[in-house]
Amino acid sequence: MAVGSIVDYLDSIGQDSSPEARKRLAEQNGITDYKGTADQNIRLLRTLQGGGSTSSGSTSTGVP
């Protein structure tokens, strides 16, 4: 399912999408000093969807 924003994604999976909740999620996923910018939200969305990581290289699943 394609989701356009981090808020839409979190809502679609029944999670809290408040700024405070997104900040906690960002910190748990290695995104520091989260302010809710577009770039940070895209990075968080990709990370949560499993399509990106906060660092370059292969993922922990072993899939390049």
Protein backbone atom coordinates (compact mmCIF):
# COMPACT_ATOMS: atom_id res chain seq x y z
CA MET A 1 0.00 0.00 0.00
CA ALA A 2 1.44 3.35 -1.02
CA VAL A 3 1.12 5.99 1.68
CA GLY A 4 1.90 9.63 1.04
CA SER A 5 2.91 10.88 4.46
CA ILE A 6 4.18 9.67 7.79
CA VAL A 7 0.92 10.80 9.42
CA ASP A 8 -1.14 8.83 6.88
CA TYR A 9 1.06 5.78 7.39
CA LEU A 10 0.87 5.86 11.18
CA ASP A 11 -2.90 6.42 11.07
CA SER A 12 -3.30 3.50 8.64
CA ILE A 13 -1.57 1.12 11.07
CA GLY A 14 -3.43 2.45 14.10
CA GLN A 15 -0.49 4.25 15.66
CA ASP A 16 -0.33 7.69 17.29
CA SER A 17 0.70 10.23 14.64
CA SER A 18 1.10 13.22 16.95
CA PRO A 19 4.30 15.26 16.71
CA GLU A 20 5.42 13.89 20.08
CA ALA A 21 4.90 10.29 18.95
CA ARG A 22 6.76 10.93 15.69
CA LYS A 23 9.65 12.46 17.63
CA ARG A 24 9.88 9.33 19.81
CA LEU A 25 9.77 7.09 16.74
CA ALA A 26 12.44 9.17 15.03
CA GLU A 27 14.75 8.94 18.04
CA GLN A 28 14.17 5.18 18.30
CA ASN A 29 15.19 4.89 14.65
CA GLY A 30 18.35 6.99 14.83
CA ILE A 31 16.97 10.30 13.58
CA THR A 32 18.35 12.87 15.96
CA ASP A 33 17.09 16.39 16.66
CA TYR A 34 13.71 15.60 15.06
CA LYS A 35 11.80 18.78 14.21
CA GLY A 36 9.24 17.32 11.81
CA THR A 37 10.76 18.69 8.61
CA ALA A 38 9.69 17.20 5.31
CA ASP A 39 13.07 15.49 4.90
CA GLN A 40 12.93 14.01 8.40
CA ASN A 41 9.36 12.80 7.86
CA ILE A 42 10.26 11.14 4.57
CA ARG A 43 13.27 9.49 6.17
CA LEU A 44 11.15 8.26 9.09
CA LEU A 45 8.44 6.96 6.75
CA ARG A 46 10.94 5.05 4.62
CA THR A 47 12.60 3.61 7.70
CA LEU A 48 9.32 2.44 9.22
CA GLN A 49 8.18 0.93 5.93
CA GLY A 50 11.44 -0.96 5.67
CA GLY A 51 12.46 0.80 2.49
CA GLY A 52 15.34 2.78 3.88
CA SER A 53 17.74 3.07 6.71
CA THR A 54 19.25 5.94 8.61
CA SER A 55 22.70 5.01 7.32
CA SER A 56 24.03 3.83 4.00
CA GLY A 57 24.77 0.20 3.32
CA SER A 58 22.80 -3.01 3.53
CA THR A 59 19.99 -3.57 5.99
CA SER A 60 20.08 -5.88 8.99
CA THR A 61 17.96 -8.38 7.05
CA GLY A 62 20.92 -9.15 4.83
CA VAL A 63 19.11 -7.94 1.73
CA PRO A 64 21.22 -5.42 -0.21
